[in-house]
Amino acid sequence: MAHKYQQSTPKTRRALIGHLRTSRSRLSPTEQRVVEVLLADTKRIAASSALEIAQEAGTSSATVVRTTQKLGYAGYNALRNDVIRFGMQEPRGVAQDDTTGGDATHNVMDHVFSTAVQELQTVSDTLDRIQFADAVEVLDAAHKIMFIGSGESSMPAQEAALRFMMHGRDAVAPTDVLQQQFGSRLLTPRDALVAVSYSGANKHTLEAVEAARMSGVPVIGITSIARAPLADLSDVLLVMASPTAASEPLIGRIAHSLVLNGLNQAVSQQRPPQAFGPSEALADVFARTLKSQHDM
């Protein structure tokens, strides 16, 4: 693993917009006004000074600088340089009135899918690829991998464990919160814990993570909120920030499943198929399951 998690600034135009939007809820009211001014007309940032932004937000230029620093930049000028480099403007979306007239049902689904594609691209842009590579390294070296998640994060964790098992890895995903805590405490530094939490603040998930840290277990956090307790407890943090508050729950769940699938594929490529892969016992289980379903 190359390094402990450190917040990085967005590297693309879409990622920058998503970063600004999702960061508002984690700032003070005054800092939120600064971000709202920045988002109100992103194209004017390139020609505006920190003082001009401050005047429009009804605050001081020092607050503008402090806000951009909390966003991961050295200061306002660093943010403005990114805007200039990316040619900042809002991603084009499907017009709201596309859902009216004609075959309304078809238009609604066109809107839903095209919006999801755009927002998932933004989420992909916010994912730190260096942190992803670190996560692959940790999982590849792990003797046992435990996936945990509560509520809506439970299903992605269970699916991930099954996928890793399909490739012959020792992976588990207990659903009971006490089993998660006990199991995490019994892991060793040679193992790994993957904690999935949309908010990064789920009480049960954090308790299991803290139990794993007591045993010196490497922790990989997967969340949609960068400034959350899970970030402070993770050795590697994979953040997929949704571009809008309205889409966060749905897009977040999809993004978490996708990144878990990506980790599985990347880890499976680290070793030859004969080293890790479905064992004869697993192949036999699937053969018998398929046969029994066919006979029903």
Protein backbone atom coordinates (compact mmCIF):
# COMPACT_ATOMS: atom_id res chain seq x y z
CA MET A 1 0.00 0.00 0.00
CA ALA A 2 1.53 3.28 -1.10
CA HIS A 3 0.10 5.67 1.51
CA LYS A 4 -2.61 6.43 4.04
CA TYR A 5 -5.67 8.10 2.58
CA GLN A 6 -5.24 11.76 1.74
CA GLN A 7 -7.90 13.95 0.15
CA SER A 8 -7.07 14.80 -3.45
CA THR A 9 -8.53 17.51 -5.64
CA PRO A 10 -10.66 16.58 -8.66
CA LYS A 11 -8.82 15.91 -11.90
CA THR A 12 -11.61 16.52 -14.43
CA ARG A 13 -14.33 19.09 -15.11
CA ARG A 14 -17.19 16.76 -14.16
CA ALA A 15 -15.42 15.71 -10.99
CA LEU A 16 -14.93 19.34 -9.97
CA ILE A 17 -18.63 20.12 -10.31
CA GLY A 18 -19.59 17.01 -8.35
CA HIS A 19 -16.96 17.80 -5.72
CA LEU A 20 -18.34 21.31 -5.16
CA ARG A 21 -21.93 20.10 -4.97
CA THR A 22 -21.38 17.23 -2.57
CA SER A 23 -19.11 19.27 -0.29
CA ARG A 24 -21.74 21.86 0.59
CA SER A 25 -23.46 19.80 3.27
CA ARG A 26 -20.17 19.31 5.13
CA LEU A 27 -19.30 23.00 5.40
CA SER A 28 -20.42 25.77 7.73
CA PRO A 29 -23.40 27.93 6.61
CA THR A 30 -21.08 30.75 5.55
CA GLU A 31 -18.83 28.38 3.60
CA GLN A 32 -21.92 26.86 1.98
CA ARG A 33 -22.85 30.29 0.65
CA VAL A 34 -19.41 30.54 -0.93
CA VAL A 35 -19.89 27.21 -2.70
CA GLU A 36 -23.38 28.25 -3.83
CA VAL A 37 -21.92 31.38 -5.40
CA LEU A 38 -19.25 29.30 -7.14
CA LEU A 39 -21.85 26.92 -8.53
CA ALA A 40 -24.31 29.65 -9.54
CA ASP A 41 -22.13 30.56 -12.51
CA THR A 42 -19.09 28.34 -12.77
CA LYS A 43 -17.84 30.03 -15.94
CA ARG A 44 -17.33 33.36 -14.18
CA ILE A 45 -14.93 31.88 -11.60
CA ALA A 46 -12.06 32.19 -14.08
CA ALA A 47 -12.52 35.98 -14.21
CA SER A 48 -13.36 36.57 -10.54
CA SER A 49 -11.13 37.23 -7.57
CA ALA A 50 -11.60 35.83 -4.08
CA LEU A 51 -12.78 39.29 -2.98
CA GLU A 52 -15.48 39.40 -5.67
CA ILE A 53 -16.73 35.95 -4.70
CA ALA A 54 -16.67 37.01 -1.04
CA GLN A 55 -18.72 40.13 -1.71
CA GLU A 56 -21.39 38.15 -3.53
CA ALA A 57 -21.50 35.56 -0.75
CA GLY A 58 -21.66 38.28 1.92
CA THR A 59 -18.47 37.21 3.63
CA SER A 60 -14.72 37.87 3.61
CA SER A 61 -12.05 36.84 1.13
CA ALA A 62 -10.37 34.91 3.96
CA THR A 63 -13.50 32.77 4.25
CA VAL A 64 -13.39 32.11 0.50
CA VAL A 65 -9.79 30.96 0.77
CA ARG A 66 -10.56 28.82 3.82
CA THR A 67 -13.52 27.24 1.99
CA THR A 68 -11.40 26.27 -1.01
CA GLN A 69 -8.77 24.85 1.32
CA LYS A 70 -11.42 22.64 2.93
CA LEU A 71 -12.26 21.48 -0.60
CA GLY A 72 -8.69 20.23 -0.95
CA TYR A 73 -7.06 23.20 -2.72
CA ALA A 74 -4.13 25.34 -1.65
CA GLY A 75 -6.41 28.36 -1.99
CA TYR A 76 -8.89 30.14 -4.26
CA ASN A 77 -6.34 30.69 -7.03
CA ALA A 78 -5.72 26.94 -7.25
CA LEU A 79 -9.45 26.36 -7.72
CA ARG A 80 -9.62 29.11 -10.36
CA ASN A 81 -6.69 27.53 -12.22
CA ASP A 82 -8.60 24.24 -12.38
CA VAL A 83 -11.66 26.04 -13.73
CA ILE A 84 -9.55 27.64 -16.46
CA ARG A 85 -7.87 24.34 -17.28
CA PHE A 86 -11.14 22.40 -17.51
CA GLY A 87 -13.05 25.10 -19.40
CA MET A 88 -15.66 24.83 -16.67
CA GLN A 89 -19.30 24.61 -17.57
CA GLU A 90 -22.19 22.49 -16.38
CA PRO A 91 -22.52 19.08 -18.03
CA ARG A 92 -25.38 19.02 -20.46
CA GLY A 93 -28.37 17.05 -19.28
CA VAL A 94 -31.70 15.98 -20.60
CA ALA A 95 -34.16 18.86 -20.66
CA GLN A 96 -36.77 18.62 -17.95
CA ASP A 97 -39.65 19.00 -20.39
CA ASP A 98 -38.44 15.97 -22.35
CA THR A 99 -40.69 13.94 -20.08
CA THR A 100 -43.85 15.61 -21.37
CA GLY A 101 -45.69 15.10 -24.60
CA GLY A 102 -45.54 12.11 -26.94
CA ASP A 103 -45.06 8.78 -25.23
CA ALA A 104 -44.50 10.05 -21.69
CA THR A 105 -43.47 6.64 -20.35
CA HIS A 106 -40.69 6.27 -22.92
CA ASN A 107 -39.53 9.84 -22.31
CA VAL A 108 -39.35 9.30 -18.55
CA MET A 109 -37.15 6.22 -18.95
CA ASP A 110 -34.94 7.96 -21.49
CA HIS A 111 -34.47 10.77 -18.99
CA VAL A 112 -33.78 8.40 -16.08
CA PHE A 113 -31.17 6.37 -17.93
CA SER A 114 -29.38 9.27 -19.62
CA THR A 115 -29.21 11.17 -16.32
CA ALA A 116 -27.86 8.09 -14.54
CA VAL A 117 -25.17 7.61 -17.19
CA GLN A 118 -24.04 11.24 -16.84
CA GLU A 119 -24.03 11.14 -13.06
CA LEU A 120 -22.19 7.82 -12.89
CA GLN A 121 -19.53 9.35 -15.12
CA THR A 122 -19.20 12.19 -12.62
CA VAL A 123 -18.94 9.67 -9.79
CA SER A 124 -16.25 7.79 -11.70
CA ASP A 125 -14.29 11.01 -12.07
CA THR A 126 -14.28 11.55 -8.29
CA LEU A 127 -12.77 8.11 -7.58
CA ASP A 128 -9.08 8.39 -6.74
CA ARG A 129 -7.33 5.82 -8.95
CA ILE A 130 -4.24 5.77 -6.72
CA GLN A 131 -6.39 4.83 -3.75
CA PHE A 132 -8.08 2.17 -5.90
CA ALA A 133 -4.67 0.68 -6.76
CA ASP A 134 -3.77 0.69 -3.05
CA ALA A 135 -7.01 -1.16 -2.27
CA VAL A 136 -6.20 -3.79 -4.90
CA GLU A 137 -2.76 -4.26 -3.34
CA VAL A 138 -4.25 -4.73 0.14
CA LEU A 139 -6.89 -7.20 -1.04
CA ASP A 140 -4.46 -9.19 -3.15
CA ALA A 141 -2.18 -9.73 -0.14
CA ALA A 142 -5.02 -10.55 2.27
CA HIS A 143 -5.42 -14.11 3.53
CA LYS A 144 -9.05 -13.43 4.47
CA ILE A 145 -11.34 -10.59 3.42
CA MET A 146 -14.35 -9.47 5.41
CA PHE A 147 -16.94 -7.19 3.82
CA ILE A 148 -19.32 -5.30 6.09
CA GLY A 149 -22.23 -2.95 5.54
CA SER A 150 -25.50 -2.14 7.29
CA GLY A 151 -28.90 -1.30 5.87
CA GLU A 152 -28.76 -0.61 2.15
CA SER A 153 -24.99 -1.13 2.16
CA SER A 154 -25.40 -4.73 3.30
CA MET A 155 -26.35 -6.13 -0.11
CA PRO A 156 -23.33 -4.69 -2.03
CA ALA A 157 -21.05 -6.13 0.68
CA GLN A 158 -22.64 -9.58 0.40
CA GLU A 159 -22.45 -9.54 -3.39
CA ALA A 160 -18.78 -8.56 -3.23
CA ALA A 161 -17.96 -11.43 -0.87
CA LEU A 162 -19.66 -13.88 -3.20
CA ARG A 163 -17.72 -12.56 -6.20
CA PHE A 164 -14.41 -12.90 -4.36
CA MET A 165 -15.36 -16.42 -3.27
CA MET A 166 -16.08 -17.23 -6.91
CA HIS A 167 -12.41 -16.50 -7.58
CA GLY A 168 -11.31 -18.79 -4.78
CA ARG A 169 -10.65 -16.13 -2.14
CA ASP A 170 -11.54 -16.56 1.52
CA ALA A 171 -14.23 -13.88 1.76
CA VAL A 172 -17.14 -13.40 4.15
CA ALA A 173 -19.90 -10.83 4.67
CA PRO A 174 -21.73 -11.35 7.96
CA THR A 175 -25.05 -9.51 8.15
CA ASP A 176 -25.55 -9.48 11.92
CA VAL A 177 -23.92 -6.42 13.49
CA LEU A 178 -22.49 -8.42 16.41
CA GLN A 179 -21.02 -10.97 14.02
CA GLN A 180 -19.44 -8.10 12.13
CA GLN A 181 -17.84 -6.72 15.28
CA PHE A 182 -16.69 -10.11 16.61
CA GLY A 183 -15.45 -11.22 13.20
CA SER A 184 -13.58 -7.96 12.66
CA ARG A 185 -11.85 -8.28 16.03
CA LEU A 186 -10.70 -11.82 15.16
CA LEU A 187 -9.08 -10.76 11.89
CA THR A 188 -5.28 -10.43 11.79
CA PRO A 189 -2.93 -7.92 10.12
CA ARG A 190 -2.61 -10.43 7.28
CA ASP A 191 -6.34 -10.05 6.53
CA ALA A 192 -8.40 -7.10 5.28
CA LEU A 193 -11.69 -5.42 6.15
CA VAL A 194 -13.80 -3.65 3.52
CA ALA A 195 -16.38 -1.32 5.07
CA VAL A 196 -19.19 -0.08 2.82
CA SER A 197 -21.17 2.90 4.12
CA TYR A 198 -22.96 5.47 2.00
CA SER A 199 -22.76 8.14 4.71
CA GLY A 200 -19.48 6.97 6.19
CA ALA A 201 -21.09 7.44 9.59
CA ASN A 202 -23.11 4.27 10.23
CA LYS A 203 -22.73 3.44 13.93
CA HIS A 204 -22.59 -0.35 13.55
CA THR A 205 -20.14 -0.21 10.65
CA LEU A 206 -17.83 2.16 12.50
CA GLU A 207 -17.85 -0.08 15.58
CA ALA A 208 -16.78 -3.05 13.45
CA VAL A 209 -14.06 -0.95 11.82
CA GLU A 210 -12.75 0.14 15.22
CA ALA A 211 -12.69 -3.52 16.31
CA ALA A 212 -10.61 -4.40 13.24
CA ARG A 213 -8.17 -1.55 13.91
CA MET A 214 -7.61 -2.93 17.41
CA SER A 215 -6.22 -6.02 15.70
CA GLY A 216 -4.09 -4.03 13.24
CA VAL A 217 -6.23 -5.03 10.26
CA PRO A 218 -5.93 -2.93 7.06
CA VAL A 219 -9.25 -1.14 6.49
CA ILE A 220 -10.64 -0.15 3.09
CA GLY A 221 -13.51 2.32 3.35
CA ILE A 222 -16.06 2.77 0.55
CA THR A 223 -18.37 5.78 0.90
CA SER A 224 -20.02 8.69 -0.87
CA ILE A 225 -18.99 11.25 1.76
CA ALA A 226 -15.32 12.19 1.98
CA ARG A 227 -15.54 14.18 5.21
CA ALA A 228 -16.98 11.39 7.37
CA PRO A 229 -15.79 9.36 10.38
CA LEU A 230 -15.04 6.38 8.12
CA ALA A 231 -12.37 8.45 6.35
CA ASP A 232 -10.42 8.90 9.58
CA LEU A 233 -10.56 5.17 10.34
CA SER A 234 -9.62 3.90 6.86
CA ASP A 235 -6.15 3.09 5.58
CA VAL A 236 -7.51 3.33 2.04
CA LEU A 237 -10.60 5.36 1.19
CA LEU A 238 -12.63 5.05 -2.01
CA VAL A 239 -14.98 8.02 -2.34
CA MET A 240 -17.62 8.18 -5.06
CA ALA A 241 -19.40 11.49 -4.64
CA SER A 242 -22.73 11.88 -6.42
CA PRO A 243 -23.20 15.17 -8.31
CA THR A 244 -26.58 16.13 -6.83
CA ALA A 245 -28.26 15.60 -3.48
CA ALA A 246 -31.40 14.21 -5.14
CA SER A 247 -29.50 11.44 -6.92
CA GLU A 248 -27.06 10.56 -4.14
CA PRO A 249 -28.80 7.51 -2.58
CA LEU A 250 -29.52 5.67 -5.84
CA ILE A 251 -26.33 6.62 -7.69
CA GLY A 252 -24.30 5.95 -4.56
CA ARG A 253 -25.58 2.38 -4.25
CA ILE A 254 -24.90 1.67 -7.92
CA ALA A 255 -21.42 3.22 -7.69
CA HIS A 256 -20.51 1.16 -4.63
CA SER A 257 -21.51 -2.05 -6.38
CA LEU A 258 -19.50 -1.07 -9.45
CA VAL A 259 -16.33 -0.24 -7.54
CA LEU A 260 -16.60 -3.50 -5.56
CA ASN A 261 -16.93 -5.38 -8.83
CA GLY A 262 -13.94 -3.46 -10.17
CA LEU A 263 -11.87 -4.44 -7.13
CA ASN A 264 -12.81 -8.07 -7.67
CA GLN A 265 -11.76 -7.97 -11.31
CA ALA A 266 -8.52 -6.13 -10.58
CA VAL A 267 -7.54 -8.48 -7.76
CA SER A 268 -8.32 -11.56 -9.87
CA GLN A 269 -5.87 -10.28 -12.50
CA GLN A 270 -3.01 -10.13 -9.99
CA ARG A 271 -2.47 -13.90 -9.91
CA PRO A 272 -2.57 -16.69 -12.52
CA PRO A 273 -5.93 -18.47 -12.81
CA GLN A 274 -4.48 -21.61 -11.26
CA ALA A 275 -3.43 -19.67 -8.15
CA PHE A 276 -6.84 -18.13 -7.51
CA GLY A 277 -10.08 -19.02 -9.19
CA PRO A 278 -13.15 -21.19 -8.73
CA SER A 279 -11.96 -24.41 -7.12
CA GLU A 280 -13.21 -27.83 -8.15
CA ALA A 281 -15.40 -27.83 -5.04
CA LEU A 282 -17.03 -24.53 -6.04
CA ALA A 283 -17.45 -25.72 -9.61
CA ASP A 284 -19.17 -28.83 -8.29
CA VAL A 285 -21.52 -26.72 -6.15
CA PHE A 286 -22.56 -24.66 -9.16
CA ALA A 287 -22.99 -27.72 -11.33
CA ARG A 288 -25.28 -29.36 -8.79
CA THR A 289 -27.23 -26.12 -8.25
CA LEU A 290 -27.80 -25.62 -11.96
CA LYS A 291 -28.84 -29.24 -12.37
CA SER A 292 -31.35 -29.07 -9.52
CA GLN A 293 -32.90 -25.88 -10.95
CA HIS A 294 -33.10 -27.47 -14.40
CA ASP A 295 -34.89 -30.51 -12.96
CA MET A 296 -37.53 -28.39 -11.16
